[in-house]
């Protein structure tokens, strides 16, 4: 079986787990694309959970975070499966 293809992904890291959980709840409620995943090994800071989405959704994700009063720890673009 072939390995999954990697593609460029936007990864949003958070300082606190509660922020990551709030982001997940808001995005699901409002239909913002992406999903919560464990922190990829390429990132070494944050709470251990990140929001992964297509890079084209960057502004939509930032707008959602602003609407619920969250600030990201960092934004990364990484090649992920």
N, C-alpha and C. Protein backbone atom coordinates (compact mmCIF):
# COMPACT_ATOMS: atom_id res chain seq x y z
N UNK A 1 0.85 -1.18 0.00
CA UNK A 1 0.00 0.00 0.00
C UNK A 1 0.89 1.24 0.00
N UNK A 2 0.65 2.17 -0.91
CA UNK A 2 1.49 3.38 -0.98
C UNK A 2 1.26 4.30 0.20
N UNK A 3 2.30 5.06 0.53
CA UNK A 3 2.20 6.05 1.61
C UNK A 3 1.31 7.21 1.17
N UNK A 4 0.59 7.85 2.11
CA UNK A 4 -0.24 9.01 1.74
C UNK A 4 0.64 10.13 1.21
N UNK A 5 0.13 10.84 0.22
CA UNK A 5 0.85 11.98 -0.34
C UNK A 5 0.84 13.13 0.66
N UNK A 6 1.96 13.81 0.75
CA UNK A 6 2.04 15.00 1.60
C UNK A 6 1.65 16.22 0.77
N UNK A 7 1.02 17.17 1.44
CA UNK A 7 0.67 18.43 0.77
C UNK A 7 0.87 19.57 1.75
N UNK A 8 0.99 20.75 1.20
CA UNK A 8 1.20 21.93 2.03
C UNK A 8 -0.05 22.19 2.88
N UNK A 9 0.16 22.37 4.18
CA UNK A 9 -0.94 22.60 5.11
C UNK A 9 -0.62 23.80 5.98
N UNK A 10 -1.65 24.55 6.31
CA UNK A 10 -1.54 25.61 7.31
C UNK A 10 -1.74 24.97 8.66
N UNK A 11 -0.84 25.25 9.59
CA UNK A 11 -0.91 24.69 10.94
C UNK A 11 -0.89 25.86 11.93
N UNK A 12 -1.93 25.93 12.74
CA UNK A 12 -2.07 26.98 13.74
C UNK A 12 -1.80 26.36 15.11
N UNK A 13 -0.78 26.86 15.80
CA UNK A 13 -0.49 26.36 17.15
C UNK A 13 -1.03 27.33 18.19
N UNK A 14 -1.27 26.79 19.39
CA UNK A 14 -1.88 27.54 20.47
C UNK A 14 -1.01 27.45 21.72
N UNK A 15 -1.10 28.45 22.58
CA UNK A 15 -0.36 28.44 23.84
C UNK A 15 -1.00 27.50 24.86
N UNK A 16 -2.33 27.40 24.82
CA UNK A 16 -3.03 26.63 25.84
C UNK A 16 -4.00 25.64 25.20
N UNK A 17 -4.15 24.49 25.82
CA UNK A 17 -5.07 23.48 25.31
C UNK A 17 -6.49 24.01 25.25
N UNK A 18 -6.89 24.81 26.24
CA UNK A 18 -8.24 25.37 26.25
C UNK A 18 -8.48 26.24 25.02
N UNK A 19 -7.45 26.94 24.53
CA UNK A 19 -7.59 27.74 23.31
C UNK A 19 -7.79 26.85 22.09
N UNK A 20 -7.04 25.75 22.03
CA UNK A 20 -7.19 24.81 20.92
C UNK A 20 -8.61 24.22 20.91
N UNK A 21 -9.12 23.89 22.09
CA UNK A 21 -10.47 23.34 22.18
C UNK A 21 -11.53 24.36 21.80
N UNK A 22 -11.33 25.61 22.18
CA UNK A 22 -12.26 26.68 21.80
C UNK A 22 -12.25 26.88 20.29
N UNK A 23 -11.07 26.82 19.70
CA UNK A 23 -10.95 26.96 18.24
C UNK A 23 -11.69 25.83 17.54
N UNK A 24 -11.49 24.62 18.00
CA UNK A 24 -12.17 23.48 17.38
C UNK A 24 -13.69 23.62 17.46
N UNK A 25 -14.20 23.99 18.63
CA UNK A 25 -15.64 24.14 18.81
C UNK A 25 -16.20 25.23 17.91
N UNK A 26 -15.51 26.37 17.84
CA UNK A 26 -15.99 27.49 17.02
C UNK A 26 -15.95 27.14 15.54
N UNK A 27 -14.89 26.49 15.11
CA UNK A 27 -14.77 26.15 13.69
C UNK A 27 -15.82 25.12 13.27
N UNK A 28 -16.07 24.16 14.12
CA UNK A 28 -17.12 23.18 13.81
C UNK A 28 -18.48 23.85 13.75
N UNK A 29 -18.74 24.72 14.72
CA UNK A 29 -20.03 25.43 14.78
C UNK A 29 -20.24 26.29 13.55
N UNK A 30 -19.17 26.98 13.10
CA UNK A 30 -19.30 27.95 12.02
C UNK A 30 -18.88 27.42 10.65
N UNK A 31 -18.54 26.14 10.57
CA UNK A 31 -18.21 25.54 9.29
C UNK A 31 -16.86 25.97 8.71
N UNK A 32 -15.93 26.36 9.57
CA UNK A 32 -14.59 26.75 9.11
C UNK A 32 -13.81 25.47 8.82
N UNK A 33 -13.20 25.38 7.64
CA UNK A 33 -12.51 24.15 7.26
C UNK A 33 -11.27 23.88 8.11
N UNK A 34 -10.99 22.60 8.27
CA UNK A 34 -9.80 22.16 8.99
C UNK A 34 -10.16 21.16 10.06
N UNK A 35 -9.11 20.75 10.81
CA UNK A 35 -9.34 19.80 11.89
C UNK A 35 -8.21 19.89 12.90
N UNK A 36 -8.49 19.47 14.12
CA UNK A 36 -7.50 19.45 15.17
C UNK A 36 -6.65 18.19 15.01
N UNK A 37 -5.34 18.34 15.14
CA UNK A 37 -4.42 17.20 15.08
C UNK A 37 -3.36 17.37 16.17
N UNK A 38 -2.69 16.29 16.52
CA UNK A 38 -1.55 16.43 17.45
C UNK A 38 -0.45 17.26 16.80
N UNK A 39 0.33 17.94 17.61
CA UNK A 39 1.39 18.79 17.09
C UNK A 39 2.39 17.97 16.27
N UNK A 40 2.64 18.38 15.03
CA UNK A 40 3.63 17.69 14.21
C UNK A 40 5.03 17.84 14.81
N UNK A 41 5.91 16.89 14.57
CA UNK A 41 7.25 16.95 15.15
C UNK A 41 8.09 18.13 14.65
N UNK A 42 7.69 18.75 13.53
CA UNK A 42 8.43 19.91 13.01
C UNK A 42 8.25 21.14 13.88
N UNK A 43 7.25 21.14 14.77
CA UNK A 43 6.95 22.29 15.63
C UNK A 43 7.28 21.88 17.06
N UNK A 44 7.94 22.75 17.79
CA UNK A 44 8.35 22.37 19.14
C UNK A 44 7.77 23.26 20.23
N UNK A 45 6.84 24.14 19.92
CA UNK A 45 6.29 25.04 20.94
C UNK A 45 4.77 25.01 20.87
N UNK A 46 4.13 25.31 21.96
CA UNK A 46 2.68 25.37 22.01
C UNK A 46 2.13 24.32 22.95
N UNK A 47 0.84 24.06 22.87
CA UNK A 47 0.15 23.21 23.84
C UNK A 47 0.12 21.74 23.46
N UNK A 48 0.50 21.38 22.27
CA UNK A 48 0.47 19.98 21.86
C UNK A 48 -0.59 19.65 20.84
N UNK A 49 -1.54 20.57 20.62
CA UNK A 49 -2.57 20.39 19.61
C UNK A 49 -2.51 21.57 18.64
N UNK A 50 -2.83 21.31 17.38
CA UNK A 50 -2.80 22.36 16.36
C UNK A 50 -4.04 22.22 15.47
N UNK A 51 -4.41 23.32 14.82
CA UNK A 51 -5.48 23.31 13.83
C UNK A 51 -4.82 23.21 12.47
N UNK A 52 -5.20 22.22 11.69
CA UNK A 52 -4.64 21.99 10.36
C UNK A 52 -5.70 22.30 9.32
N UNK A 53 -5.32 23.07 8.30
CA UNK A 53 -6.24 23.42 7.23
C UNK A 53 -5.46 23.69 5.95
N UNK A 54 -6.16 23.86 4.88
CA UNK A 54 -5.54 24.24 3.62
C UNK A 54 -5.06 25.69 3.75
N UNK A 55 -3.86 25.99 3.23
CA UNK A 55 -3.34 27.37 3.33
C UNK A 55 -4.26 28.43 2.73
N UNK A 56 -5.10 28.04 1.78
CA UNK A 56 -6.02 29.02 1.18
C UNK A 56 -7.07 29.51 2.16
N UNK A 57 -7.21 28.83 3.30
CA UNK A 57 -8.21 29.20 4.31
C UNK A 57 -7.63 30.09 5.40
N UNK A 58 -6.40 30.56 5.22
CA UNK A 58 -5.72 31.34 6.26
C UNK A 58 -6.57 32.51 6.78
N UNK A 59 -7.08 33.34 5.89
CA UNK A 59 -7.83 34.52 6.34
C UNK A 59 -9.11 34.13 7.06
N UNK A 60 -9.79 33.11 6.56
CA UNK A 60 -11.02 32.64 7.20
C UNK A 60 -10.72 32.15 8.63
N UNK A 61 -9.62 31.46 8.80
CA UNK A 61 -9.23 30.96 10.11
C UNK A 61 -8.85 32.11 11.04
N UNK A 62 -8.09 33.07 10.53
CA UNK A 62 -7.73 34.23 11.33
C UNK A 62 -8.96 35.04 11.72
N UNK A 63 -9.90 35.18 10.81
CA UNK A 63 -11.14 35.90 11.10
C UNK A 63 -11.93 35.19 12.21
N UNK A 64 -11.99 33.86 12.14
CA UNK A 64 -12.70 33.08 13.16
C UNK A 64 -12.03 33.26 14.52
N UNK A 65 -10.71 33.20 14.53
CA UNK A 65 -9.99 33.39 15.78
C UNK A 65 -10.24 34.77 16.36
N UNK A 66 -10.24 35.78 15.52
CA UNK A 66 -10.52 37.13 15.98
C UNK A 66 -11.93 37.25 16.54
N UNK A 67 -12.88 36.58 15.90
CA UNK A 67 -14.28 36.66 16.34
C UNK A 67 -14.48 36.04 17.72
N UNK A 68 -13.66 35.05 18.07
CA UNK A 68 -13.81 34.42 19.39
C UNK A 68 -12.74 34.87 20.38
N UNK A 69 -11.92 35.84 19.96
CA UNK A 69 -10.94 36.43 20.86
C UNK A 69 -9.70 35.59 21.11
N UNK A 70 -9.31 34.76 20.13
CA UNK A 70 -8.10 33.95 20.27
C UNK A 70 -6.97 34.51 19.42
N UNK A 71 -5.76 34.33 19.91
CA UNK A 71 -4.57 34.66 19.14
C UNK A 71 -3.75 33.38 18.99
N UNK A 72 -3.23 33.12 17.80
CA UNK A 72 -2.43 31.92 17.63
C UNK A 72 -1.07 32.07 18.30
N UNK A 73 -0.51 30.95 18.73
CA UNK A 73 0.88 30.96 19.19
C UNK A 73 1.75 31.23 17.97
N UNK A 74 1.45 30.52 16.88
CA UNK A 74 2.19 30.70 15.63
C UNK A 74 1.39 30.09 14.49
N UNK A 75 1.69 30.55 13.28
CA UNK A 75 1.16 29.97 12.06
C UNK A 75 2.33 29.37 11.29
N UNK A 76 2.14 28.16 10.78
CA UNK A 76 3.19 27.47 10.03
C UNK A 76 2.60 26.94 8.75
N UNK A 77 3.41 26.80 7.73
CA UNK A 77 3.04 26.07 6.54
C UNK A 77 3.99 24.91 6.42
N UNK A 78 3.45 23.69 6.51
CA UNK A 78 4.25 22.47 6.54
C UNK A 78 3.72 21.47 5.53
N UNK A 79 4.58 20.60 5.08
CA UNK A 79 4.18 19.48 4.23
C UNK A 79 3.74 18.35 5.16
N UNK A 80 2.45 18.02 5.11
CA UNK A 80 1.88 16.98 5.98
C UNK A 80 1.00 16.04 5.15
N UNK A 81 0.80 14.83 5.68
CA UNK A 81 -0.10 13.87 5.02
C UNK A 81 -1.53 14.21 5.33
